[in-house]
Amino acid sequence: MAERRVEMAFTGGALASLGYTALYILLFILMVPAAWGMAAFLGWWAAHLRFSDGAEAAFEGRPGRIWVIFAALVFVSYLPSLATIGVADKDKAGLVQLLLSALVIPFDAALKLPIYRWAIGGIRLTPGGNPRFVAAYPAYLGWVVFSTLSIFTVIGWAWVFVAMARWFCRNTEADGYSFEFVGTGWGLLWRSVIWLAGTMLVIPLPWVLRSIYAWGVGNLVLVRRDVQGEYSSALA
C-alpha cells in the first residue's frame, strides 16, 4: 500500500466569501434557519476546493436533519445576553454575562460536536467518499476549554488553534485517505494581525474572509492510502 500527498487549494472569490458568510450569520441570528445557512456555505465552500490529483468535492449534508441542534446552539449563545436584559448596572451585567458564558461552555460543546460530525460527514470526495468525524465529547470539551483559556495569553492562542486543527484531522476517518494540517502557529499569528487590521478598515473585509478560507484550506493535505491500481481505476 502506497501513500500519496495531495495538495489542496481554495478558489472561491472575495465577494462570494462575504456573501455566503453574511448569509450564514443572518440565518444564524434568525435561529431556526441556521442549519440552511451553514449548508449553503458548505456547499459553496466544497465546490471551490481544488485537489492536485484532480479529485472533486461536494457537500451533501441535509440541514433538515440537524436544524433542531443548530437552533438550540443559537439559543444557548443568546442566554448570557438574555439573562441580563433589564439590568441597569453595566458592570454587573458584564460580570453575569461572563460567568454565564463560562457555564454554558459544556452545553455549547455538546451541541457543536454533532454539528461538526454532520458537516464533515456531509462532504463527499470523488474519488474517496465521505469522511467521518469520530472525536469523543470529553476530548472535544477539553480542547474547547483549552482554546478559550489560550485567548488570555494574547499570542499563545494561535499555537493552540493550530494544534486543535491537527487534532480535528487526526479524528477524521475515511476509507482510503486521511487529512493532515500543516499550518503553524506563527503563520496564523502574523496573518491574524493583518486580518484584524483589514476587518477594522471594513472595505477589505471580503478579501480578509477569502484569505482566511484560503489559508485554512491551503494548509490541509489529503493523504491517500492507495492499494495498487485502485486509485487509478477510480479516476478513470
C-alpha atoms as a PDB file:
ATOM      1  CA  MET A   1       0.000   0.000   0.000  1.00  0.00           C
ATOM      2  CA  ALA A   2       1.446   3.361  -1.084  1.00  0.00           C
ATOM      3  CA  GLU A   3       0.737   6.807   0.261  1.00  0.00           C
ATOM      4  CA  ARG A   4       0.470   9.967  -1.788  1.00  0.00           C
ATOM      5  CA  ARG A   5       0.110  13.509  -0.501  1.00  0.00           C
ATOM      6  CA  VAL A   6      -2.433  15.655  -2.302  1.00  0.00           C
ATOM      7  CA  GLU A   7      -2.254  19.434  -2.012  1.00  0.00           C
ATOM      8  CA  MET A   8      -5.453  21.425  -1.598  1.00  0.00           C
ATOM      9  CA  ALA A   9      -6.418  24.974  -2.604  1.00  0.00           C
ATOM     10  CA  PHE A  10      -9.460  27.214  -2.282  1.00  0.00           C
ATOM     11  CA  THR A  11     -10.673  29.089  -5.376  1.00  0.00           C
ATOM     12  CA  GLY A  12     -13.727  30.947  -4.060  1.00  0.00           C
ATOM     13  CA  GLY A  13     -13.924  34.677  -4.760  1.00  0.00           C
ATOM     14  CA  ALA A  14     -13.766  37.541  -2.268  1.00  0.00           C
ATOM     15  CA  LEU A  15     -17.296  38.852  -2.824  1.00  0.00           C
ATOM     16  CA  ALA A  16     -18.747  35.346  -2.638  1.00  0.00           C
ATOM     17  CA  SER A  17     -16.817  34.801   0.603  1.00  0.00           C
ATOM     18  CA  LEU A  18     -18.515  37.849   2.073  1.00  0.00           C
ATOM     19  CA  GLY A  19     -21.935  36.943   0.698  1.00  0.00           C
ATOM     20  CA  TYR A  20     -22.045  33.366   1.958  1.00  0.00           C
ATOM     21  CA  THR A  21     -20.559  34.334   5.315  1.00  0.00           C
ATOM     22  CA  ALA A  22     -23.126  37.121   5.733  1.00  0.00           C
ATOM     23  CA  LEU A  23     -25.937  34.742   4.719  1.00  0.00           C
ATOM     24  CA  TYR A  24     -24.892  32.237   7.369  1.00  0.00           C
ATOM     25  CA  ILE A  25     -24.618  34.926  10.070  1.00  0.00           C
ATOM     26  CA  LEU A  26     -28.058  36.312   9.180  1.00  0.00           C
ATOM     27  CA  LEU A  27     -29.735  32.894   9.263  1.00  0.00           C
ATOM     28  CA  PHE A  28     -27.874  32.048  12.479  1.00  0.00           C
ATOM     29  CA  ILE A  29     -29.321  35.156  14.120  1.00  0.00           C
ATOM     30  CA  LEU A  30     -32.789  34.074  12.996  1.00  0.00           C
ATOM     31  CA  MET A  31     -32.193  30.751  14.833  1.00  0.00           C
ATOM     32  CA  VAL A  32     -34.476  28.293  13.019  1.00  0.00           C
ATOM     33  CA  PRO A  33     -32.910  28.571   9.522  1.00  0.00           C
ATOM     34  CA  ALA A  34     -29.314  28.483  10.848  1.00  0.00           C
ATOM     35  CA  ALA A  35     -28.687  24.960   9.506  1.00  0.00           C
ATOM     36  CA  TRP A  36     -29.730  26.017   5.996  1.00  0.00           C
ATOM     37  CA  GLY A  37     -27.264  28.899   6.154  1.00  0.00           C
ATOM     38  CA  MET A  38     -24.452  26.527   7.074  1.00  0.00           C
ATOM     39  CA  ALA A  39     -25.483  24.058   4.354  1.00  0.00           C
ATOM     40  CA  ALA A  40     -25.403  26.836   1.743  1.00  0.00           C
ATOM     41  CA  PHE A  41     -21.982  27.987   2.937  1.00  0.00           C
ATOM     42  CA  LEU A  42     -20.518  24.472   2.947  1.00  0.00           C
ATOM     43  CA  GLY A  43     -21.984  23.736  -0.471  1.00  0.00           C
ATOM     44  CA  TRP A  44     -20.239  26.808  -1.907  1.00  0.00           C
ATOM     45  CA  TRP A  45     -17.024  26.113   0.035  1.00  0.00           C
ATOM     46  CA  ALA A  46     -16.765  22.469  -1.036  1.00  0.00           C
ATOM     47  CA  ALA A  47     -17.464  23.341  -4.678  1.00  0.00           C
ATOM     48  CA  HIS A  48     -14.411  25.612  -4.647  1.00  0.00           C
ATOM     49  CA  LEU A  49     -11.941  23.100  -3.259  1.00  0.00           C
ATOM     50  CA  ARG A  50      -9.235  22.076  -5.699  1.00  0.00           C
ATOM     51  CA  PHE A  51      -7.039  18.995  -5.336  1.00  0.00           C
ATOM     52  CA  SER A  52      -3.696  18.456  -7.031  1.00  0.00           C
ATOM     53  CA  ASP A  53      -4.760  14.943  -8.097  1.00  0.00           C
ATOM     54  CA  GLY A  54      -7.924  16.132  -9.826  1.00  0.00           C
ATOM     55  CA  ALA A  55     -10.380  14.928  -7.176  1.00  0.00           C
ATOM     56  CA  GLU A  56     -13.632  16.819  -6.630  1.00  0.00           C
ATOM     57  CA  ALA A  57     -15.634  17.691  -3.520  1.00  0.00           C
ATOM     58  CA  ALA A  58     -19.314  18.366  -2.901  1.00  0.00           C
ATOM     59  CA  PHE A  59     -21.419  18.916   0.207  1.00  0.00           C
ATOM     60  CA  GLU A  60     -24.390  16.565   0.572  1.00  0.00           C
ATOM     61  CA  GLY A  61     -25.460  17.255   4.165  1.00  0.00           C
ATOM     62  CA  ARG A  62     -29.191  17.755   4.704  1.00  0.00           C
ATOM     63  CA  PRO A  63     -29.978  20.667   7.043  1.00  0.00           C
ATOM     64  CA  GLY A  64     -33.360  19.187   7.904  1.00  0.00           C
ATOM     65  CA  ARG A  65     -31.566  16.504   9.911  1.00  0.00           C
ATOM     66  CA  ILE A  66     -29.670  18.931  12.123  1.00  0.00           C
ATOM     67  CA  TRP A  67     -31.724  22.131  12.311  1.00  0.00           C
ATOM     68  CA  VAL A  68     -33.024  21.485  15.838  1.00  0.00           C
ATOM     69  CA  ILE A  69     -29.476  21.192  17.191  1.00  0.00           C
ATOM     70  CA  PHE A  70     -28.475  24.365  15.326  1.00  0.00           C
ATOM     71  CA  ALA A  71     -31.444  26.219  16.801  1.00  0.00           C
ATOM     72  CA  ALA A  72     -30.533  25.002  20.297  1.00  0.00           C
ATOM     73  CA  LEU A  73     -26.959  26.187  19.742  1.00  0.00           C
ATOM     74  CA  VAL A  74     -28.176  29.653  18.788  1.00  0.00           C
ATOM     75  CA  PHE A  75     -30.406  29.763  21.873  1.00  0.00           C
ATOM     76  CA  VAL A  76     -27.508  28.785  24.144  1.00  0.00           C
ATOM     77  CA  SER A  77     -25.366  31.515  22.573  1.00  0.00           C
ATOM     78  CA  TYR A  78     -28.130  34.036  23.354  1.00  0.00           C
ATOM     79  CA  LEU A  79     -28.535  33.001  27.011  1.00  0.00           C
ATOM     80  CA  PRO A  80     -25.859  35.260  28.585  1.00  0.00           C
ATOM     81  CA  SER A  81     -27.381  38.331  26.907  1.00  0.00           C
ATOM     82  CA  LEU A  82     -30.975  37.315  27.589  1.00  0.00           C
ATOM     83  CA  ALA A  83     -30.218  36.806  31.272  1.00  0.00           C
ATOM     84  CA  THR A  84     -29.091  40.418  31.687  1.00  0.00           C
ATOM     85  CA  ILE A  85     -31.970  42.132  29.938  1.00  0.00           C
ATOM     86  CA  GLY A  86     -33.172  44.929  32.196  1.00  0.00           C
ATOM     87  CA  VAL A  87     -30.011  45.016  34.333  1.00  0.00           C
ATOM     88  CA  ALA A  88     -29.121  48.697  34.573  1.00  0.00           C
ATOM     89  CA  ASP A  89     -25.663  48.238  36.089  1.00  0.00           C
ATOM     90  CA  LYS A  90     -23.378  47.629  33.092  1.00  0.00           C
ATOM     91  CA  ASP A  91     -20.540  46.264  35.226  1.00  0.00           C
ATOM     92  CA  LYS A  92     -22.857  43.772  36.909  1.00  0.00           C
ATOM     93  CA  ALA A  93     -24.398  42.796  33.577  1.00  0.00           C
ATOM     94  CA  GLY A  94     -20.946  42.245  32.097  1.00  0.00           C
ATOM     95  CA  LEU A  95     -19.900  40.037  35.011  1.00  0.00           C
ATOM     96  CA  VAL A  96     -23.085  37.979  34.795  1.00  0.00           C
ATOM     97  CA  GLN A  97     -22.611  37.522  31.053  1.00  0.00           C
ATOM     98  CA  LEU A  98     -19.010  36.429  31.556  1.00  0.00           C
ATOM     99  CA  LEU A  99     -19.970  33.874  34.196  1.00  0.00           C
ATOM    100  CA  LEU A 100     -22.861  32.508  32.143  1.00  0.00           C
ATOM    101  CA  SER A 101     -20.651  32.296  29.052  1.00  0.00           C
ATOM    102  CA  ALA A 102     -18.295  30.080  31.044  1.00  0.00           C
ATOM    103  CA  LEU A 103     -21.108  27.968  32.464  1.00  0.00           C
ATOM    104  CA  VAL A 104     -22.662  27.210  29.061  1.00  0.00           C
ATOM    105  CA  ILE A 105     -19.372  26.004  27.523  1.00  0.00           C
ATOM    106  CA  PRO A 106     -20.140  22.292  28.187  1.00  0.00           C
ATOM    107  CA  PHE A 107     -23.615  22.657  26.643  1.00  0.00           C
ATOM    108  CA  ASP A 108     -22.213  24.627  23.708  1.00  0.00           C
ATOM    109  CA  ALA A 109     -19.647  21.883  23.076  1.00  0.00           C
ATOM    110  CA  ALA A 110     -22.289  19.153  23.344  1.00  0.00           C
ATOM    111  CA  LEU A 111     -24.287  20.863  20.586  1.00  0.00           C
ATOM    112  CA  LYS A 112     -21.355  21.696  18.325  1.00  0.00           C
ATOM    113  CA  LEU A 113     -19.940  18.165  18.282  1.00  0.00           C
ATOM    114  CA  PRO A 114     -22.863  16.603  16.325  1.00  0.00           C
ATOM    115  CA  ILE A 115     -22.855  19.644  14.047  1.00  0.00           C
ATOM    116  CA  TYR A 116     -19.188  19.015  13.219  1.00  0.00           C
ATOM    117  CA  ARG A 117     -19.988  15.363  12.581  1.00  0.00           C
ATOM    118  CA  TRP A 118     -22.808  16.394  10.236  1.00  0.00           C
ATOM    119  CA  ALA A 119     -20.673  18.995   8.437  1.00  0.00           C
ATOM    120  CA  ILE A 120     -17.601  16.798   7.946  1.00  0.00           C
ATOM    121  CA  GLY A 121     -19.632  13.701   7.139  1.00  0.00           C
ATOM    122  CA  GLY A 122     -21.592  15.615   4.502  1.00  0.00           C
ATOM    123  CA  ILE A 123     -18.525  16.328   2.357  1.00  0.00           C
ATOM    124  CA  ARG A 124     -18.122  13.784  -0.406  1.00  0.00           C
ATOM    125  CA  LEU A 125     -14.835  13.385  -2.261  1.00  0.00           C
ATOM    126  CA  THR A 126     -14.779  11.839  -5.726  1.00  0.00           C
ATOM    127  CA  PRO A 127     -12.966   9.508  -5.559  1.00  0.00           C
ATOM    128  CA  GLY A 128     -12.918   8.802  -1.837  1.00  0.00           C
ATOM    129  CA  GLY A 129     -16.417   9.015  -0.408  1.00  0.00           C
ATOM    130  CA  ASN A 130     -17.428  10.707   2.839  1.00  0.00           C
ATOM    131  CA  PRO A 131     -15.144  11.178   5.864  1.00  0.00           C
ATOM    132  CA  ARG A 132     -16.285  10.679   9.466  1.00  0.00           C
ATOM    133  CA  PHE A 133     -15.525  12.842  12.492  1.00  0.00           C
ATOM    134  CA  VAL A 134     -15.119  10.384  15.366  1.00  0.00           C
ATOM    135  CA  ALA A 135     -13.902  12.572  18.256  1.00  0.00           C
ATOM    136  CA  ALA A 136     -15.358  11.866  21.697  1.00  0.00           C
ATOM    137  CA  TYR A 137     -17.093  14.573  23.720  1.00  0.00           C
ATOM    138  CA  PRO A 138     -14.635  14.712  26.681  1.00  0.00           C
ATOM    139  CA  ALA A 139     -11.664  15.291  24.383  1.00  0.00           C
ATOM    140  CA  TYR A 140     -13.504  17.912  22.358  1.00  0.00           C
ATOM    141  CA  LEU A 141     -14.656  19.715  25.509  1.00  0.00           C
ATOM    142  CA  GLY A 142     -11.066  19.739  26.751  1.00  0.00           C
ATOM    143  CA  TRP A 143      -9.886  21.404  23.561  1.00  0.00           C
ATOM    144  CA  VAL A 144     -12.700  23.957  23.742  1.00  0.00           C
ATOM    145  CA  VAL A 145     -11.763  24.919  27.299  1.00  0.00           C
ATOM    146  CA  PHE A 146      -8.040  24.967  26.446  1.00  0.00           C
ATOM    147  CA  SER A 147      -8.559  27.147  23.363  1.00  0.00           C
ATOM    148  CA  THR A 148     -10.841  29.531  25.295  1.00  0.00           C
ATOM    149  CA  LEU A 149      -8.268  29.989  28.054  1.00  0.00           C
ATOM    150  CA  SER A 150      -5.477  30.417  25.493  1.00  0.00           C
ATOM    151  CA  ILE A 151      -7.064  33.666  24.295  1.00  0.00           C
ATOM    152  CA  PHE A 152      -5.895  35.301  27.539  1.00  0.00           C
ATOM    153  CA  THR A 153      -2.271  34.563  26.581  1.00  0.00           C
ATOM    154  CA  VAL A 154      -2.554  37.218  23.838  1.00  0.00           C
ATOM    155  CA  ILE A 155      -0.399  35.279  21.328  1.00  0.00           C
ATOM    156  CA  GLY A 156      -0.377  31.681  22.552  1.00  0.00           C
ATOM    157  CA  TRP A 157      -3.868  31.053  21.206  1.00  0.00           C
ATOM    158  CA  ALA A 158      -2.502  30.757  17.657  1.00  0.00           C
ATOM    159  CA  TRP A 159      -0.455  27.654  18.518  1.00  0.00           C
ATOM    160  CA  VAL A 160      -3.389  26.166  20.420  1.00  0.00           C
ATOM    161  CA  PHE A 161      -5.759  26.703  17.491  1.00  0.00           C
ATOM    162  CA  VAL A 162      -3.273  25.077  15.095  1.00  0.00           C
ATOM    163  CA  ALA A 163      -2.872  22.122  17.462  1.00  0.00           C
ATOM    164  CA  MET A 164      -6.664  21.818  17.641  1.00  0.00           C
ATOM    165  CA  ALA A 165      -6.859  21.780  13.824  1.00  0.00           C
ATOM    166  CA  ARG A 166      -4.369  18.895  13.796  1.00  0.00           C
ATOM    167  CA  TRP A 167      -6.473  17.099  16.401  1.00  0.00           C
ATOM    168  CA  PHE A 168      -9.553  17.543  14.186  1.00  0.00           C
ATOM    169  CA  CYS A 169      -7.639  15.946  11.300  1.00  0.00           C
ATOM    170  CA  ARG A 170      -6.466  13.019  13.440  1.00  0.00           C
ATOM    171  CA  ASN A 171     -10.064  12.368  14.443  1.00  0.00           C
ATOM    172  CA  THR A 172     -11.391  12.465  10.894  1.00  0.00           C
ATOM    173  CA  GLU A 173     -11.517   8.980   9.396  1.00  0.00           C
ATOM    174  CA  ALA A 174     -12.231   7.840   5.866  1.00  0.00           C
ATOM    175  CA  ASP A 175     -11.840   4.792   3.657  1.00  0.00           C
ATOM    176  CA  GLY A 176      -8.532   5.137   1.870  1.00  0.00           C
ATOM    177  CA  TYR A 177      -7.488   8.626   2.906  1.00  0.00           C
ATOM    178  CA  SER A 178      -6.844  10.944   5.843  1.00  0.00           C
ATOM    179  CA  PHE A 179      -6.108  14.623   6.418  1.00  0.00           C
ATOM    180  CA  GLU A 180      -3.173  16.491   7.905  1.00  0.00           C
ATOM    181  CA  PHE A 181      -2.952  20.143   8.919  1.00  0.00           C
ATOM    182  CA  VAL A 182       0.470  21.653   8.249  1.00  0.00           C
ATOM    183  CA  GLY A 183      -0.128  25.296   9.244  1.00  0.00           C
ATOM    184  CA  THR A 184       1.966  26.833  12.015  1.00  0.00           C
ATOM    185  CA  GLY A 185       1.104  28.993  14.995  1.00  0.00           C
ATOM    186  CA  TRP A 186       3.435  31.726  13.778  1.00  0.00           C
ATOM    187  CA  GLY A 187       1.823  31.672  10.340  1.00  0.00           C
ATOM    188  CA  LEU A 188      -1.612  32.066  11.890  1.00  0.00           C
ATOM    189  CA  LEU A 189      -0.492  34.757  14.328  1.00  0.00           C
ATOM    190  CA  TRP A 190       1.042  37.225  11.885  1.00  0.00           C
ATOM    191  CA  ARG A 191      -1.787  36.741   9.409  1.00  0.00           C
ATOM    192  CA  SER A 192      -4.349  37.359  12.147  1.00  0.00           C
ATOM    193  CA  VAL A 193      -2.836  40.803  12.715  1.00  0.00           C
ATOM    194  CA  ILE A 194      -3.342  41.613   9.028  1.00  0.00           C
ATOM    195  CA  TRP A 195      -6.840  40.128   9.048  1.00  0.00           C
ATOM    196  CA  LEU A 196      -7.776  42.184  12.108  1.00  0.00           C
ATOM    197  CA  ALA A 197      -6.488  45.381  10.502  1.00  0.00           C
ATOM    198  CA  GLY A 198      -8.403  44.617   7.312  1.00  0.00           C
ATOM    199  CA  THR A 199     -11.591  43.923   9.271  1.00  0.00           C
ATOM    200  CA  MET A 200     -11.297  47.226  11.137  1.00  0.00           C
ATOM    201  CA  LEU A 201     -10.951  49.068   7.819  1.00  0.00           C
ATOM    202  CA  VAL A 202     -14.220  47.367   6.697  1.00  0.00           C
ATOM    203  CA  ILE A 203     -13.685  47.771   2.931  1.00  0.00           C
ATOM    204  CA  PRO A 204     -11.106  44.943   2.672  1.00  0.00           C
ATOM    205  CA  LEU A 205     -13.416  42.550   4.584  1.00  0.00           C
ATOM    206  CA  PRO A 206     -14.292  40.373   1.540  1.00  0.00           C
ATOM    207  CA  TRP A 207     -10.593  39.819   0.831  1.00  0.00           C
ATOM    208  CA  VAL A 208      -9.933  39.149   4.522  1.00  0.00           C
ATOM    209  CA  LEU A 209     -12.551  36.391   4.590  1.00  0.00           C
ATOM    210  CA  ARG A 210     -11.273  34.937   1.338  1.00  0.00           C
ATOM    211  CA  SER A 211      -7.715  34.949   2.719  1.00  0.00           C
ATOM    212  CA  ILE A 212      -8.827  33.167   5.909  1.00  0.00           C
ATOM    213  CA  TYR A 213     -10.582  30.412   3.969  1.00  0.00           C
ATOM    214  CA  ALA A 214      -7.692  30.064   1.523  1.00  0.00           C
ATOM    215  CA  TRP A 215      -5.097  29.829   4.313  1.00  0.00           C
ATOM    216  CA  GLY A 216      -7.066  27.143   6.142  1.00  0.00           C
ATOM    217  CA  VAL A 217      -7.604  25.002   3.050  1.00  0.00           C
ATOM    218  CA  GLY A 218      -4.088  25.602   1.737  1.00  0.00           C
ATOM    219  CA  ASN A 219      -2.652  24.102   4.921  1.00  0.00           C
ATOM    220  CA  LEU A 220      -4.712  20.933   4.621  1.00  0.00           C
ATOM    221  CA  VAL A 221      -3.103  17.914   2.999  1.00  0.00           C
ATOM    222  CA  LEU A 222      -5.091  14.941   1.760  1.00  0.00           C
ATOM    223  CA  VAL A 223      -3.103  11.740   2.296  1.00  0.00           C
ATOM    224  CA  ARG A 224      -4.295   8.887   0.118  1.00  0.00           C
ATOM    225  CA  ARG A 225      -3.512   5.303   1.058  1.00  0.00           C
ATOM    226  CA  ASP A 226      -3.654   3.627  -2.329  1.00  0.00           C
ATOM    227  CA  VAL A 227      -3.997  -0.058  -2.956  1.00  0.00           C
ATOM    228  CA  GLN A 228      -2.074  -0.565  -6.207  1.00  0.00           C
ATOM    229  CA  GLY A 229      -4.293   0.207  -9.167  1.00  0.00           C
ATOM    230  CA  GLU A 230      -7.346   1.085  -7.107  1.00  0.00           C
ATOM    231  CA  TYR A 231      -6.935   4.872  -7.211  1.00  0.00           C
ATOM    232  CA  SER A 232      -6.178   4.967 -10.945  1.00  0.00           C
ATOM    233  CA  SER A 233      -9.306   2.926 -11.619  1.00  0.00           C
ATOM    234  CA  ALA A 234     -11.392   5.322  -9.524  1.00  0.00           C
ATOM    235  CA  LEU A 235     -10.196   8.333 -11.506  1.00  0.00           C
ATOM    236  CA  ALA A 236     -10.693   6.663 -14.889  1.00  0.00           C
END
